[in-house]
N, C-alpha and C. Protein backbone atom coordinates (compact mmCIF):
# COMPACT_ATOMS: atom_id res chain seq x y z
N UNK A 1 -12.94 -4.56 -5.30
CA UNK A 1 -12.23 -3.45 -4.72
C UNK A 1 -13.13 -2.69 -3.75
N UNK A 2 -14.38 -2.51 -4.09
CA UNK A 2 -15.29 -1.77 -3.22
C UNK A 2 -15.51 -2.52 -1.91
N UNK A 3 -15.75 -3.81 -2.01
CA UNK A 3 -15.95 -4.62 -0.80
C UNK A 3 -14.69 -4.60 0.07
N UNK A 4 -13.54 -4.69 -0.56
CA UNK A 4 -12.28 -4.65 0.17
C UNK A 4 -12.08 -3.30 0.84
N UNK A 5 -12.48 -2.24 0.19
CA UNK A 5 -12.38 -0.90 0.79
C UNK A 5 -13.23 -0.80 2.05
N UNK A 6 -14.41 -1.38 2.01
CA UNK A 6 -15.28 -1.37 3.19
C UNK A 6 -14.65 -2.16 4.34
N UNK A 7 -14.07 -3.31 4.00
CA UNK A 7 -13.38 -4.11 5.02
C UNK A 7 -12.19 -3.33 5.58
N UNK A 8 -11.47 -2.64 4.71
CA UNK A 8 -10.30 -1.86 5.14
C UNK A 8 -10.69 -0.76 6.12
N UNK A 9 -11.83 -0.12 5.89
CA UNK A 9 -12.29 0.92 6.82
C UNK A 9 -12.53 0.34 8.20
N UNK A 10 -13.18 -0.81 8.26
CA UNK A 10 -13.45 -1.46 9.55
C UNK A 10 -12.15 -1.88 10.23
N UNK A 11 -11.25 -2.45 9.46
CA UNK A 11 -9.96 -2.88 10.03
C UNK A 11 -9.18 -1.68 10.56
N UNK A 12 -9.18 -0.58 9.81
CA UNK A 12 -8.44 0.61 10.23
C UNK A 12 -9.02 1.20 11.51
N UNK A 13 -10.34 1.17 11.63
CA UNK A 13 -10.98 1.69 12.85
C UNK A 13 -10.60 0.86 14.07
N UNK A 14 -10.55 -0.45 13.90
CA UNK A 14 -10.30 -1.34 15.03
C UNK A 14 -8.82 -1.52 15.33
N UNK A 15 -7.99 -1.68 14.28
CA UNK A 15 -6.60 -2.07 14.50
C UNK A 15 -5.57 -1.10 13.95
N UNK A 16 -6.00 -0.03 13.33
CA UNK A 16 -5.06 0.91 12.73
C UNK A 16 -4.73 0.51 11.30
N UNK A 17 -3.84 1.26 10.70
CA UNK A 17 -3.53 1.08 9.29
C UNK A 17 -2.38 0.12 9.02
N UNK A 18 -1.60 -0.24 10.02
CA UNK A 18 -0.41 -1.05 9.78
C UNK A 18 -0.77 -2.40 9.15
N UNK A 19 -1.71 -3.11 9.74
CA UNK A 19 -2.10 -4.42 9.21
C UNK A 19 -2.77 -4.31 7.85
N UNK A 20 -3.57 -3.29 7.66
CA UNK A 20 -4.24 -3.08 6.37
C UNK A 20 -3.21 -2.94 5.26
N UNK A 21 -2.20 -2.12 5.50
CA UNK A 21 -1.17 -1.94 4.48
C UNK A 21 -0.30 -3.18 4.31
N UNK A 22 -0.03 -3.90 5.39
CA UNK A 22 0.75 -5.14 5.27
C UNK A 22 0.02 -6.13 4.37
N UNK A 23 -1.27 -6.31 4.57
CA UNK A 23 -2.04 -7.24 3.74
C UNK A 23 -2.03 -6.77 2.28
N UNK A 24 -2.15 -5.47 2.07
CA UNK A 24 -2.13 -4.97 0.68
C UNK A 24 -0.76 -5.21 0.04
N UNK A 25 0.30 -5.05 0.81
CA UNK A 25 1.64 -5.31 0.27
C UNK A 25 1.85 -6.80 0.00
N UNK A 26 1.27 -7.66 0.82
CA UNK A 26 1.41 -9.11 0.61
C UNK A 26 0.63 -9.58 -0.62
N UNK A 27 -0.44 -8.90 -0.96
CA UNK A 27 -1.24 -9.30 -2.13
C UNK A 27 -0.45 -9.12 -3.42
N UNK A 28 0.46 -8.16 -3.47
CA UNK A 28 1.19 -7.87 -4.70
C UNK A 28 2.17 -8.97 -5.11
N UNK A 29 3.05 -9.46 -4.24
CA UNK A 29 3.93 -10.56 -4.68
C UNK A 29 3.15 -11.85 -4.95
N UNK A 30 2.09 -12.09 -4.19
CA UNK A 30 1.26 -13.26 -4.44
C UNK A 30 0.64 -13.17 -5.83
N UNK A 31 0.20 -11.99 -6.19
CA UNK A 31 -0.35 -11.75 -7.53
C UNK A 31 0.70 -12.04 -8.60
N UNK A 32 1.93 -11.61 -8.38
CA UNK A 32 3.00 -11.86 -9.34
C UNK A 32 3.29 -13.34 -9.53
N UNK A 33 3.29 -14.10 -8.42
CA UNK A 33 3.55 -15.54 -8.50
C UNK A 33 2.42 -16.24 -9.25
N UNK A 34 1.18 -15.88 -8.94
CA UNK A 34 0.05 -16.50 -9.63
C UNK A 34 0.07 -16.14 -11.11
N UNK A 35 0.35 -14.89 -11.44
CA UNK A 35 0.40 -14.47 -12.84
C UNK A 35 1.50 -15.22 -13.60
N UNK A 36 2.64 -15.44 -12.96
CA UNK A 36 3.73 -16.17 -13.61
C UNK A 36 3.41 -17.65 -13.77
N UNK A 37 2.70 -18.21 -12.81
CA UNK A 37 2.40 -19.62 -12.80
C UNK A 37 1.23 -19.97 -13.71
N UNK A 38 0.26 -19.07 -13.81
CA UNK A 38 -0.96 -19.34 -14.57
C UNK A 38 -1.04 -18.41 -15.79
N UNK A 39 -0.16 -18.60 -16.73
CA UNK A 39 -0.15 -17.79 -17.95
C UNK A 39 -1.20 -18.31 -18.94
N UNK A 40 -2.45 -18.21 -18.53
CA UNK A 40 -3.56 -18.60 -19.39
C UNK A 40 -4.77 -17.75 -19.03
N UNK A 41 -5.88 -17.96 -19.72
CA UNK A 41 -7.03 -17.08 -19.50
C UNK A 41 -7.65 -17.25 -18.12
N UNK A 42 -7.53 -18.42 -17.49
CA UNK A 42 -8.09 -18.58 -16.14
C UNK A 42 -7.23 -17.88 -15.08
N UNK A 43 -5.97 -17.63 -15.40
CA UNK A 43 -5.10 -16.94 -14.46
C UNK A 43 -5.46 -15.49 -14.27
N UNK A 44 -6.25 -14.95 -15.18
CA UNK A 44 -6.65 -13.55 -15.08
C UNK A 44 -7.52 -13.31 -13.84
N UNK A 45 -8.38 -14.26 -13.51
CA UNK A 45 -9.32 -14.06 -12.41
C UNK A 45 -8.65 -13.89 -11.05
N UNK A 46 -7.79 -14.81 -10.62
CA UNK A 46 -7.15 -14.59 -9.31
C UNK A 46 -6.24 -13.36 -9.31
N UNK A 47 -5.61 -13.07 -10.43
CA UNK A 47 -4.74 -11.89 -10.51
C UNK A 47 -5.57 -10.63 -10.35
N UNK A 48 -6.71 -10.56 -11.02
CA UNK A 48 -7.57 -9.38 -10.91
C UNK A 48 -8.18 -9.26 -9.52
N UNK A 49 -8.52 -10.39 -8.90
CA UNK A 49 -9.05 -10.35 -7.54
C UNK A 49 -8.01 -9.80 -6.58
N UNK A 50 -6.77 -10.30 -6.69
CA UNK A 50 -5.70 -9.79 -5.81
C UNK A 50 -5.38 -8.33 -6.12
N UNK A 51 -5.49 -7.92 -7.37
CA UNK A 51 -5.30 -6.53 -7.72
C UNK A 51 -6.36 -5.66 -7.05
N UNK A 52 -7.60 -6.14 -7.04
CA UNK A 52 -8.68 -5.42 -6.37
C UNK A 52 -8.49 -5.37 -4.87
N UNK A 53 -7.99 -6.46 -4.29
CA UNK A 53 -7.72 -6.48 -2.85
C UNK A 53 -6.66 -5.44 -2.50
N UNK A 54 -5.54 -5.47 -3.23
CA UNK A 54 -4.47 -4.51 -2.96
C UNK A 54 -4.91 -3.08 -3.17
N UNK A 55 -5.59 -2.82 -4.27
CA UNK A 55 -6.04 -1.45 -4.56
C UNK A 55 -7.10 -1.00 -3.57
N UNK A 56 -8.01 -1.89 -3.21
CA UNK A 56 -9.06 -1.53 -2.26
C UNK A 56 -8.51 -1.20 -0.88
N UNK A 57 -7.56 -2.00 -0.43
CA UNK A 57 -6.95 -1.74 0.88
C UNK A 57 -6.15 -0.44 0.86
N UNK A 58 -5.36 -0.25 -0.18
CA UNK A 58 -4.53 0.95 -0.25
C UNK A 58 -5.35 2.22 -0.49
N UNK A 59 -6.48 2.10 -1.18
CA UNK A 59 -7.29 3.29 -1.44
C UNK A 59 -7.86 3.87 -0.15
N UNK A 60 -7.97 3.06 0.87
CA UNK A 60 -8.44 3.53 2.17
C UNK A 60 -7.26 3.86 3.08
N UNK A 61 -6.29 2.96 3.13
CA UNK A 61 -5.21 3.08 4.12
C UNK A 61 -4.24 4.21 3.84
N UNK A 62 -3.85 4.40 2.59
CA UNK A 62 -2.83 5.41 2.30
C UNK A 62 -3.33 6.83 2.60
N UNK A 63 -4.46 7.26 2.06
CA UNK A 63 -4.93 8.61 2.41
C UNK A 63 -5.25 8.76 3.89
N UNK A 64 -5.82 7.70 4.49
CA UNK A 64 -6.14 7.78 5.92
C UNK A 64 -4.89 7.90 6.77
N UNK A 65 -3.86 7.16 6.42
CA UNK A 65 -2.61 7.22 7.18
C UNK A 65 -1.92 8.58 7.02
N UNK A 66 -1.90 9.09 5.81
CA UNK A 66 -1.30 10.41 5.58
C UNK A 66 -2.06 11.46 6.39
N UNK A 67 -3.38 11.41 6.34
CA UNK A 67 -4.18 12.38 7.11
C UNK A 67 -3.95 12.23 8.60
N UNK A 68 -3.81 11.01 9.07
CA UNK A 68 -3.60 10.77 10.49
C UNK A 68 -2.23 11.28 10.93
N UNK A 69 -1.20 11.01 10.13
CA UNK A 69 0.15 11.43 10.49
C UNK A 69 0.28 12.96 10.46
N UNK A 70 -0.33 13.59 9.47
CA UNK A 70 -0.19 15.04 9.30
C UNK A 70 -1.31 15.85 9.94
N UNK A 71 -2.17 15.20 10.69
CA UNK A 71 -3.28 15.89 11.34
C UNK A 71 -2.78 17.03 12.22
N UNK A 72 -3.37 18.19 12.05
CA UNK A 72 -3.02 19.34 12.86
C UNK A 72 -1.83 20.14 12.36
N UNK A 73 -1.19 19.71 11.29
CA UNK A 73 -0.02 20.42 10.78
C UNK A 73 -0.38 21.45 9.72
N UNK A 74 -1.57 21.33 9.14
CA UNK A 74 -1.94 22.22 8.05
C UNK A 74 -1.34 21.78 6.72
N UNK A 75 -0.79 20.60 6.69
CA UNK A 75 -0.12 20.13 5.47
C UNK A 75 -0.65 18.79 4.97
N UNK A 76 -1.88 18.48 5.30
CA UNK A 76 -2.45 17.20 4.88
C UNK A 76 -2.55 17.13 3.36
N UNK A 77 -3.03 18.19 2.72
CA UNK A 77 -3.18 18.17 1.26
C UNK A 77 -1.81 18.08 0.57
N UNK A 78 -0.82 18.78 1.10
CA UNK A 78 0.52 18.69 0.51
C UNK A 78 1.07 17.28 0.68
N UNK A 79 0.84 16.68 1.82
CA UNK A 79 1.28 15.30 2.05
C UNK A 79 0.58 14.32 1.12
N UNK A 80 -0.74 14.51 0.96
CA UNK A 80 -1.48 13.64 0.04
C UNK A 80 -0.94 13.79 -1.38
N UNK A 81 -0.65 15.03 -1.78
CA UNK A 81 -0.12 15.27 -3.12
C UNK A 81 1.24 14.62 -3.32
N UNK A 82 2.10 14.70 -2.31
CA UNK A 82 3.43 14.09 -2.40
C UNK A 82 3.32 12.57 -2.52
N UNK A 83 2.46 11.98 -1.71
CA UNK A 83 2.30 10.52 -1.75
C UNK A 83 1.70 10.11 -3.08
N UNK A 84 0.71 10.83 -3.56
CA UNK A 84 0.09 10.49 -4.85
C UNK A 84 1.09 10.64 -6.00
N UNK A 85 1.98 11.60 -5.90
CA UNK A 85 3.01 11.77 -6.93
C UNK A 85 3.94 10.57 -6.97
N UNK A 86 4.38 10.13 -5.80
CA UNK A 86 5.27 8.96 -5.74
C UNK A 86 4.54 7.72 -6.25
N UNK A 87 3.27 7.56 -5.88
CA UNK A 87 2.50 6.43 -6.38
C UNK A 87 2.35 6.51 -7.90
N UNK A 88 2.13 7.70 -8.43
CA UNK A 88 2.01 7.87 -9.87
C UNK A 88 3.29 7.54 -10.61
N UNK A 89 4.42 7.93 -10.04
CA UNK A 89 5.71 7.58 -10.66
C UNK A 89 5.89 6.07 -10.68
N UNK A 90 5.57 5.42 -9.58
CA UNK A 90 5.66 3.96 -9.53
C UNK A 90 4.70 3.30 -10.51
N UNK A 91 3.50 3.84 -10.60
CA UNK A 91 2.50 3.27 -11.52
C UNK A 91 2.91 3.44 -12.97
N UNK A 92 3.66 4.49 -13.28
CA UNK A 92 4.09 4.67 -14.67
C UNK A 92 5.38 3.90 -14.97
N UNK A 93 6.23 3.71 -13.98
CA UNK A 93 7.46 2.95 -14.21
C UNK A 93 7.21 1.45 -14.31
N UNK A 94 6.21 0.95 -13.58
CA UNK A 94 5.96 -0.48 -13.56
C UNK A 94 5.69 -1.07 -14.95
N UNK A 95 4.79 -0.51 -15.74
CA UNK A 95 4.60 -1.09 -17.07
C UNK A 95 5.79 -0.88 -18.00
N UNK A 96 6.50 0.23 -17.81
CA UNK A 96 7.69 0.46 -18.65
C UNK A 96 8.77 -0.57 -18.35
N UNK A 97 9.05 -0.77 -17.07
CA UNK A 97 10.04 -1.77 -16.68
C UNK A 97 9.54 -3.17 -17.01
N UNK A 98 8.25 -3.42 -16.75
CA UNK A 98 7.67 -4.72 -17.05
C UNK A 98 7.73 -5.05 -18.53
N UNK A 99 7.46 -4.07 -19.38
CA UNK A 99 7.54 -4.30 -20.83
C UNK A 99 8.95 -4.64 -21.28
N UNK A 100 9.91 -3.92 -20.72
CA UNK A 100 11.30 -4.18 -21.06
C UNK A 100 11.72 -5.59 -20.62
N UNK A 101 11.36 -5.96 -19.39
CA UNK A 101 11.70 -7.30 -18.88
C UNK A 101 11.00 -8.38 -19.70
N UNK A 102 9.72 -8.17 -20.01
CA UNK A 102 8.98 -9.16 -20.80
C UNK A 102 9.59 -9.34 -22.18
N UNK A 103 10.04 -8.26 -22.76
CA UNK A 103 10.66 -8.35 -24.09
C UNK A 103 11.98 -9.12 -24.03
N UNK A 104 12.73 -8.91 -22.97
CA UNK A 104 14.04 -9.55 -22.85
C UNK A 104 13.97 -10.98 -22.32
N UNK A 105 13.09 -11.22 -21.32
CA UNK A 105 13.10 -12.50 -20.61
C UNK A 105 11.79 -13.29 -20.73
N UNK A 106 10.71 -12.64 -21.09
CA UNK A 106 9.41 -13.30 -21.17
C UNK A 106 8.48 -12.85 -20.06
N UNK A 107 7.23 -13.29 -20.17
CA UNK A 107 6.20 -12.83 -19.23
C UNK A 107 6.36 -13.40 -17.83
N UNK A 108 6.59 -14.68 -17.70
CA UNK A 108 6.70 -15.29 -16.36
C UNK A 108 7.82 -14.64 -15.54
N UNK A 109 9.04 -14.49 -16.09
CA UNK A 109 10.08 -13.80 -15.31
C UNK A 109 9.70 -12.35 -14.99
N UNK A 110 9.01 -11.70 -15.91
CA UNK A 110 8.60 -10.32 -15.65
C UNK A 110 7.67 -10.24 -14.44
N UNK A 111 6.67 -11.14 -14.38
CA UNK A 111 5.76 -11.12 -13.23
C UNK A 111 6.51 -11.41 -11.94
N UNK A 112 7.46 -12.33 -11.97
CA UNK A 112 8.22 -12.66 -10.77
C UNK A 112 9.14 -11.52 -10.34
N UNK A 113 9.76 -10.86 -11.29
CA UNK A 113 10.65 -9.75 -10.96
C UNK A 113 9.86 -8.58 -10.39
N UNK A 114 8.74 -8.24 -11.03
CA UNK A 114 7.91 -7.15 -10.50
C UNK A 114 7.34 -7.52 -9.14
N UNK A 115 7.00 -8.81 -8.94
CA UNK A 115 6.55 -9.26 -7.62
C UNK A 115 7.65 -9.15 -6.58
N UNK A 116 8.90 -9.31 -7.02
CA UNK A 116 10.03 -9.18 -6.08
C UNK A 116 10.17 -7.75 -5.57
N UNK A 117 9.82 -6.77 -6.41
CA UNK A 117 9.81 -5.38 -5.92
C UNK A 117 8.82 -5.25 -4.76
N UNK A 118 7.68 -5.92 -4.89
CA UNK A 118 6.68 -5.88 -3.83
C UNK A 118 7.16 -6.59 -2.57
N UNK A 119 7.96 -7.64 -2.74
CA UNK A 119 8.55 -8.30 -1.57
C UNK A 119 9.45 -7.31 -0.83
N UNK A 120 10.13 -6.47 -1.58
CA UNK A 120 10.95 -5.42 -0.96
C UNK A 120 10.12 -4.48 -0.11
N UNK A 121 8.94 -4.13 -0.58
CA UNK A 121 8.08 -3.24 0.21
C UNK A 121 7.59 -3.95 1.47
N UNK A 122 7.31 -5.24 1.38
CA UNK A 122 6.92 -6.00 2.56
C UNK A 122 8.07 -6.03 3.56
N UNK A 123 9.28 -6.27 3.07
CA UNK A 123 10.45 -6.33 3.96
C UNK A 123 10.68 -4.98 4.65
N UNK A 124 10.55 -3.89 3.91
CA UNK A 124 10.71 -2.57 4.52
C UNK A 124 9.62 -2.30 5.55
N UNK A 125 8.39 -2.66 5.20
CA UNK A 125 7.25 -2.41 6.09
C UNK A 125 7.41 -3.18 7.40
N UNK A 126 7.81 -4.45 7.31
CA UNK A 126 7.99 -5.27 8.50
C UNK A 126 9.27 -4.85 9.24
N UNK A 127 10.33 -4.55 8.49
CA UNK A 127 11.60 -4.16 9.10
C UNK A 127 11.51 -2.87 9.91
N UNK A 128 10.69 -1.95 9.45
CA UNK A 128 10.53 -0.68 10.16
C UNK A 128 9.24 -0.64 10.97
N UNK A 129 8.73 -1.80 11.31
CA UNK A 129 7.45 -1.89 12.04
C UNK A 129 7.48 -1.11 13.35
N UNK A 130 8.61 -1.14 14.05
CA UNK A 130 8.66 -0.44 15.34
C UNK A 130 8.47 1.07 15.18
N UNK A 131 8.87 1.61 14.05
CA UNK A 131 8.66 3.03 13.79
C UNK A 131 7.28 3.31 13.18
N UNK A 132 6.80 2.38 12.37
CA UNK A 132 5.56 2.61 11.63
C UNK A 132 4.31 2.31 12.42
N UNK A 133 4.35 1.29 13.27
CA UNK A 133 3.13 0.91 14.00
C UNK A 133 2.56 2.03 14.86
N UNK A 134 3.37 2.78 15.60
CA UNK A 134 2.78 3.86 16.40
C UNK A 134 2.07 4.91 15.53
N UNK A 135 2.64 5.25 14.39
CA UNK A 135 2.00 6.23 13.51
C UNK A 135 0.72 5.66 12.91
N UNK A 136 0.73 4.38 12.61
CA UNK A 136 -0.44 3.73 12.00
C UNK A 136 -1.56 3.53 13.01
N UNK A 137 -1.22 3.41 14.29
CA UNK A 137 -2.21 3.13 15.32
C UNK A 137 -2.71 4.39 16.01
N UNK A 138 -2.07 5.49 15.76
CA UNK A 138 -2.42 6.73 16.44
C UNK A 138 -3.87 7.12 16.14
N UNK A 139 -4.62 7.42 17.18
CA UNK A 139 -5.99 7.89 17.00
C UNK A 139 -5.95 9.29 16.40
N UNK A 140 -6.96 9.67 15.63
CA UNK A 140 -6.92 10.95 14.93
C UNK A 140 -6.69 12.15 15.83
N UNK A 141 -7.15 12.16 17.06
CA UNK A 141 -6.98 13.32 17.93
C UNK A 141 -5.71 13.31 18.75
N UNK A 142 -4.94 12.24 18.72
CA UNK A 142 -3.76 12.13 19.59
C UNK A 142 -2.71 13.18 19.29
N UNK A 143 -2.47 13.49 18.03
CA UNK A 143 -1.45 14.47 17.69
C UNK A 143 -1.85 15.85 18.20
N UNK A 144 -3.12 16.21 18.04
CA UNK A 144 -3.57 17.51 18.49
C UNK A 144 -3.50 17.64 20.01
N UNK A 145 -3.90 16.59 20.73
CA UNK A 145 -3.85 16.66 22.19
C UNK A 145 -2.41 16.69 22.68
N UNK A 146 -1.51 15.97 22.03
CA UNK A 146 -0.10 15.98 22.42
C UNK A 146 0.51 17.36 22.17
N UNK A 147 0.14 17.99 21.07
CA UNK A 147 0.64 19.33 20.75
C UNK A 147 0.11 20.34 21.76
N UNK A 148 -1.16 20.22 22.11
CA UNK A 148 -1.76 21.16 23.07
C UNK A 148 -1.12 21.00 24.45
N UNK A 149 -0.87 19.77 24.87
CA UNK A 149 -0.24 19.53 26.17
C UNK A 149 1.18 20.04 26.18
N UNK A 150 1.91 19.93 25.08
CA UNK A 150 3.29 20.42 25.01
C UNK A 150 3.31 21.94 25.10
N UNK A 151 2.32 22.59 24.47
CA UNK A 151 2.27 24.05 24.50
C UNK A 151 1.90 24.58 25.86
N UNK A 152 1.13 23.80 26.64
CA UNK A 152 0.71 24.23 27.96
C UNK A 152 1.82 24.08 28.99
N UNK A 153 2.80 23.23 28.70
CA UNK A 153 3.84 22.95 29.68
C UNK A 153 4.90 23.99 29.71
């Protein structure tokens, strides 16, 4: 996760946050497929590696993107809190839903179903790329300079 976070910082500096988040979203369904396919002790390693990749990328990209989008508004901390709340709700619902599915259908279907939720996030991210890419690629000072130019006009 630490190494992935360092890579994410470099990627975000060069290419923005869009690709960083796309890769993190792609790691999640891949993790679900591997976990469903390799229900043994060796399957833990690739699943944990992909978990570290996803968490490492998101630990850099999500706060950086929120700060970039809300830069100059005075609401960066409120935005970070809102995003962290939504992430916390998702993190608490996932094991609850996963436990229920595993009890009813078994572990392999549970991993595939939870991975399908991640496919939904990939579809949304790619589907709304035209709206998301400009916000993800915006340099930190662009919002402030645009606001200053609008006020001067």
